[in-house]
Amino acid sequence: MVSSGAGAGLVERIAERRAGLGDPAELLAAVRRTVLLVPLEGGGLWTARWGGVRWVCAFTDEAALARFALRHGSGDESWEFAALLGERLLDEIVPAMGEAAGLVVDVATPDGAMVFPPVAGVVPDEAAVDAGEGGIGQEGGGHGQW
């Protein structure tokens, strides 16, 4: 089982922001320093498309990943995952996707999910949809892998 020590801190920052408290900069710093679990599919990271953005689905611990797997799997299959630092996801992997992409954390956790959209200050400017001509964007739907 993967330790959730750093993930627990991120869960606390998410709860604060969802309650209208806490500092957005502290939340972003927490996601960057947390090791997140990302399901693997077809040799790549499991992603979902929503609102014209490709979202990397990441989880703070195995329990959060299991909740997601129960909703998207047969219930009796095991899911492989990669353990990746949030900073790497936001600064390297999301920009390498070459389309509007962001990070969603603990998507299957009731009242516990948080999105980190592809905007300046969250992802590098070249991957930000709000960075003017240097930003990127693309419509679509469904899920897949990257």
C-alpha atoms as a PDB file:
ATOM      1  CA  MET A   1       0.000   0.000   0.000  1.00  0.00           C
ATOM      2  CA  VAL A   2       1.232   3.476  -0.869  1.00  0.00           C
ATOM      3  CA  SER A   3       1.653   5.820   2.087  1.00  0.00           C
ATOM      4  CA  SER A   4      -0.726   8.762   2.166  1.00  0.00           C
ATOM      5  CA  GLY A   5       1.235  11.044   4.523  1.00  0.00           C
ATOM      6  CA  ALA A   6       1.716  13.848   1.979  1.00  0.00           C
ATOM      7  CA  GLY A   7      -1.648  13.011   0.415  1.00  0.00           C
ATOM      8  CA  ALA A   8      -3.353  13.635   3.744  1.00  0.00           C
ATOM      9  CA  GLY A   9      -1.977  17.182   3.777  1.00  0.00           C
ATOM     10  CA  LEU A  10      -3.349  17.774   0.291  1.00  0.00           C
ATOM     11  CA  VAL A  11      -6.737  16.387   1.340  1.00  0.00           C
ATOM     12  CA  GLU A  12      -6.775  18.939   4.189  1.00  0.00           C
ATOM     13  CA  ARG A  13      -5.903  21.838   1.825  1.00  0.00           C
ATOM     14  CA  ILE A  14      -8.661  20.717  -0.580  1.00  0.00           C
ATOM     15  CA  ALA A  15     -11.206  20.601   2.257  1.00  0.00           C
ATOM     16  CA  GLU A  16     -10.217  24.127   3.301  1.00  0.00           C
ATOM     17  CA  ARG A  17     -10.656  25.531  -0.218  1.00  0.00           C
ATOM     18  CA  ARG A  18     -13.971  23.728  -0.740  1.00  0.00           C
ATOM     19  CA  ALA A  19     -15.150  25.363   2.508  1.00  0.00           C
ATOM     20  CA  GLY A  20     -14.071  28.781   1.197  1.00  0.00           C
ATOM     21  CA  LEU A  21     -11.074  28.937   3.513  1.00  0.00           C
ATOM     22  CA  GLY A  22      -7.336  28.507   3.105  1.00  0.00           C
ATOM     23  CA  ASP A  23      -4.930  29.994   0.648  1.00  0.00           C
ATOM     24  CA  PRO A  24      -5.068  28.972  -3.049  1.00  0.00           C
ATOM     25  CA  ALA A  25      -1.271  29.272  -3.232  1.00  0.00           C
ATOM     26  CA  GLU A  26      -0.916  26.791  -0.345  1.00  0.00           C
ATOM     27  CA  LEU A  27      -3.273  24.389  -2.129  1.00  0.00           C
ATOM     28  CA  LEU A  28      -1.244  24.590  -5.334  1.00  0.00           C
ATOM     29  CA  ALA A  29       2.004  24.125  -3.378  1.00  0.00           C
ATOM     30  CA  ALA A  30       0.494  21.079  -1.644  1.00  0.00           C
ATOM     31  CA  VAL A  31      -0.502  19.409  -4.915  1.00  0.00           C
ATOM     32  CA  ARG A  32       2.950  20.080  -6.379  1.00  0.00           C
ATOM     33  CA  ARG A  33       4.765  18.400  -3.475  1.00  0.00           C
ATOM     34  CA  THR A  34       2.374  15.430  -3.151  1.00  0.00           C
ATOM     35  CA  VAL A  35       2.964  12.039  -4.720  1.00  0.00           C
ATOM     36  CA  LEU A  36      -0.276  11.198  -6.512  1.00  0.00           C
ATOM     37  CA  LEU A  37      -1.515   7.873  -7.836  1.00  0.00           C
ATOM     38  CA  VAL A  38      -2.517   7.916 -11.505  1.00  0.00           C
ATOM     39  CA  PRO A  39      -4.284   4.882 -13.012  1.00  0.00           C
ATOM     40  CA  LEU A  40      -2.718   3.356 -16.090  1.00  0.00           C
ATOM     41  CA  GLU A  41      -4.639   2.282 -19.170  1.00  0.00           C
ATOM     42  CA  GLY A  42      -3.346   0.929 -22.451  1.00  0.00           C
ATOM     43  CA  GLY A  43       0.253   1.718 -21.569  1.00  0.00           C
ATOM     44  CA  GLY A  44      -0.438   5.332 -20.611  1.00  0.00           C
ATOM     45  CA  LEU A  45      -2.073   7.486 -17.987  1.00  0.00           C
ATOM     46  CA  TRP A  46      -5.860   7.223 -17.629  1.00  0.00           C
ATOM     47  CA  THR A  47      -7.445  10.504 -18.651  1.00  0.00           C
ATOM     48  CA  ALA A  48     -10.963  11.817 -19.141  1.00  0.00           C
ATOM     49  CA  ARG A  49     -12.298  14.551 -21.386  1.00  0.00           C
ATOM     50  CA  TRP A  50     -14.744  17.073 -20.056  1.00  0.00           C
ATOM     51  CA  GLY A  51     -15.503  20.609 -21.157  1.00  0.00           C
ATOM     52  CA  GLY A  52     -12.932  20.514 -23.950  1.00  0.00           C
ATOM     53  CA  VAL A  53     -10.116  19.651 -21.547  1.00  0.00           C
ATOM     54  CA  ARG A  54      -8.220  16.392 -21.150  1.00  0.00           C
ATOM     55  CA  TRP A  55      -8.024  15.712 -17.386  1.00  0.00           C
ATOM     56  CA  VAL A  56      -5.358  13.531 -15.795  1.00  0.00           C
ATOM     57  CA  CYS A  57      -7.173  11.693 -12.991  1.00  0.00           C
ATOM     58  CA  ALA A  58      -4.969  11.450  -9.902  1.00  0.00           C
ATOM     59  CA  PHE A  59      -5.595  10.247  -6.364  1.00  0.00           C
ATOM     60  CA  THR A  60      -4.172  11.068  -2.947  1.00  0.00           C
ATOM     61  CA  ASP A  61      -4.134   7.441  -1.752  1.00  0.00           C
ATOM     62  CA  GLU A  62      -5.175   3.906  -2.646  1.00  0.00           C
ATOM     63  CA  ALA A  63      -8.587   4.285  -0.965  1.00  0.00           C
ATOM     64  CA  ALA A  64      -9.451   7.246  -3.212  1.00  0.00           C
ATOM     65  CA  LEU A  65      -8.210   5.322  -6.257  1.00  0.00           C
ATOM     66  CA  ALA A  66     -10.309   2.293  -5.192  1.00  0.00           C
ATOM     67  CA  ARG A  67     -13.475   4.447  -5.034  1.00  0.00           C
ATOM     68  CA  PHE A  68     -12.796   5.560  -8.583  1.00  0.00           C
ATOM     69  CA  ALA A  69     -12.021   2.023  -9.769  1.00  0.00           C
ATOM     70  CA  LEU A  70     -15.317   0.734  -8.363  1.00  0.00           C
ATOM     71  CA  ARG A  71     -17.203   3.312 -10.413  1.00  0.00           C
ATOM     72  CA  HIS A  72     -15.255   2.691 -13.627  1.00  0.00           C
ATOM     73  CA  GLY A  73     -14.401  -0.996 -13.518  1.00  0.00           C
ATOM     74  CA  SER A  74     -15.936  -4.379 -12.996  1.00  0.00           C
ATOM     75  CA  GLY A  75     -15.094  -4.365  -9.291  1.00  0.00           C
ATOM     76  CA  ASP A  76     -13.040  -7.544  -9.446  1.00  0.00           C
ATOM     77  CA  GLU A  77     -10.145  -6.282 -11.535  1.00  0.00           C
ATOM     78  CA  SER A  78      -6.957  -4.757 -10.180  1.00  0.00           C
ATOM     79  CA  TRP A  79      -5.806  -1.400 -11.477  1.00  0.00           C
ATOM     80  CA  GLU A  80      -2.207  -0.580 -12.190  1.00  0.00           C
ATOM     81  CA  PHE A  81      -1.087   2.917 -11.331  1.00  0.00           C
ATOM     82  CA  ALA A  82       1.921   5.187 -11.411  1.00  0.00           C
ATOM     83  CA  ALA A  83       3.041   7.218  -8.396  1.00  0.00           C
ATOM     84  CA  LEU A  84       3.966  10.672  -9.698  1.00  0.00           C
ATOM     85  CA  LEU A  85       4.828  13.945  -8.030  1.00  0.00           C
ATOM     86  CA  GLY A  86       2.141  16.587  -8.643  1.00  0.00           C
ATOM     87  CA  GLU A  87       4.827  18.992  -9.811  1.00  0.00           C
ATOM     88  CA  ARG A  88       5.840  16.569 -12.559  1.00  0.00           C
ATOM     89  CA  LEU A  89       2.220  16.096 -13.616  1.00  0.00           C
ATOM     90  CA  LEU A  90       1.575  19.844 -13.875  1.00  0.00           C
ATOM     91  CA  ASP A  91       4.944  21.005 -15.242  1.00  0.00           C
ATOM     92  CA  GLU A  92       5.975  18.140 -17.542  1.00  0.00           C
ATOM     93  CA  ILE A  93       3.199  15.687 -18.356  1.00  0.00           C
ATOM     94  CA  VAL A  94       0.273  18.090 -18.884  1.00  0.00           C
ATOM     95  CA  PRO A  95       2.262  20.353 -21.271  1.00  0.00           C
ATOM     96  CA  ALA A  96       3.563  17.325 -23.192  1.00  0.00           C
ATOM     97  CA  MET A  97      -0.027  16.346 -24.045  1.00  0.00           C
ATOM     98  CA  GLY A  98      -0.109  19.092 -26.672  1.00  0.00           C
ATOM     99  CA  GLU A  99      -3.739  20.024 -25.963  1.00  0.00           C
ATOM    100  CA  ALA A 100      -5.745  21.706 -23.216  1.00  0.00           C
ATOM    101  CA  ALA A 101      -5.086  19.457 -20.220  1.00  0.00           C
ATOM    102  CA  GLY A 102      -5.335  19.732 -16.461  1.00  0.00           C
ATOM    103  CA  LEU A 103      -5.314  17.668 -13.305  1.00  0.00           C
ATOM    104  CA  VAL A 104      -8.289  16.452 -11.281  1.00  0.00           C
ATOM    105  CA  VAL A 105      -7.582  15.014  -7.828  1.00  0.00           C
ATOM    106  CA  ASP A 106      -9.804  12.464  -6.030  1.00  0.00           C
ATOM    107  CA  VAL A 107     -12.598  12.759  -8.589  1.00  0.00           C
ATOM    108  CA  ALA A 108     -14.656   9.927  -7.027  1.00  0.00           C
ATOM    109  CA  THR A 109     -14.435  11.249  -3.466  1.00  0.00           C
ATOM    110  CA  PRO A 110     -17.717  12.846  -2.409  1.00  0.00           C
ATOM    111  CA  ASP A 111     -17.121  16.487  -1.530  1.00  0.00           C
ATOM    112  CA  GLY A 112     -13.379  15.935  -1.871  1.00  0.00           C
ATOM    113  CA  ALA A 113     -12.478  16.426  -5.534  1.00  0.00           C
ATOM    114  CA  MET A 114     -10.467  19.393  -6.770  1.00  0.00           C
ATOM    115  CA  VAL A 115      -9.525  20.470 -10.282  1.00  0.00           C
ATOM    116  CA  PHE A 116      -6.323  22.174 -11.289  1.00  0.00           C
ATOM    117  CA  PRO A 117      -7.192  23.662 -14.687  1.00  0.00           C
ATOM    118  CA  PRO A 118      -4.820  24.458 -17.534  1.00  0.00           C
ATOM    119  CA  VAL A 119      -4.439  28.134 -16.671  1.00  0.00           C
ATOM    120  CA  ALA A 120      -1.432  30.369 -16.131  1.00  0.00           C
ATOM    121  CA  GLY A 121      -0.035  29.928 -12.640  1.00  0.00           C
ATOM    122  CA  VAL A 122      -1.142  26.290 -12.461  1.00  0.00           C
ATOM    123  CA  VAL A 123       0.538  24.904 -15.581  1.00  0.00           C
ATOM    124  CA  PRO A 124       3.394  26.424 -17.611  1.00  0.00           C
ATOM    125  CA  ASP A 125       2.317  29.302 -19.862  1.00  0.00           C
ATOM    126  CA  GLU A 126       2.798  27.254 -23.038  1.00  0.00           C
ATOM    127  CA  ALA A 127       0.150  24.796 -21.786  1.00  0.00           C
ATOM    128  CA  ALA A 128      -2.250  27.422 -20.389  1.00  0.00           C
ATOM    129  CA  VAL A 129      -5.499  28.114 -22.215  1.00  0.00           C
ATOM    130  CA  ASP A 130      -5.571  31.687 -20.898  1.00  0.00           C
ATOM    131  CA  ALA A 131      -2.024  32.630 -21.895  1.00  0.00           C
ATOM    132  CA  GLY A 132      -2.975  34.405 -25.125  1.00  0.00           C
ATOM    133  CA  GLU A 133      -1.510  33.189 -28.382  1.00  0.00           C
ATOM    134  CA  GLY A 134       0.947  30.877 -26.623  1.00  0.00           C
ATOM    135  CA  GLY A 135      -1.832  28.895 -24.903  1.00  0.00           C
ATOM    136  CA  ILE A 136      -3.588  25.867 -26.321  1.00  0.00           C
ATOM    137  CA  GLY A 137      -7.119  24.508 -26.380  1.00  0.00           C
ATOM    138  CA  GLN A 138      -9.191  21.773 -28.047  1.00  0.00           C
ATOM    139  CA  GLU A 139     -12.772  20.488 -27.715  1.00  0.00           C
ATOM    140  CA  GLY A 140     -13.750  16.830 -27.269  1.00  0.00           C
ATOM    141  CA  GLY A 141     -15.392  14.251 -25.048  1.00  0.00           C
ATOM    142  CA  GLY A 142     -14.931  10.745 -23.613  1.00  0.00           C
ATOM    143  CA  HIS A 143     -11.945   9.201 -21.920  1.00  0.00           C
ATOM    144  CA  GLY A 144      -8.724   7.621 -23.037  1.00  0.00           C
ATOM    145  CA  GLN A 145      -5.090   7.404 -22.224  1.00  0.00           C
ATOM    146  CA  TRP A 146      -2.012   9.462 -22.740  1.00  0.00           C
END
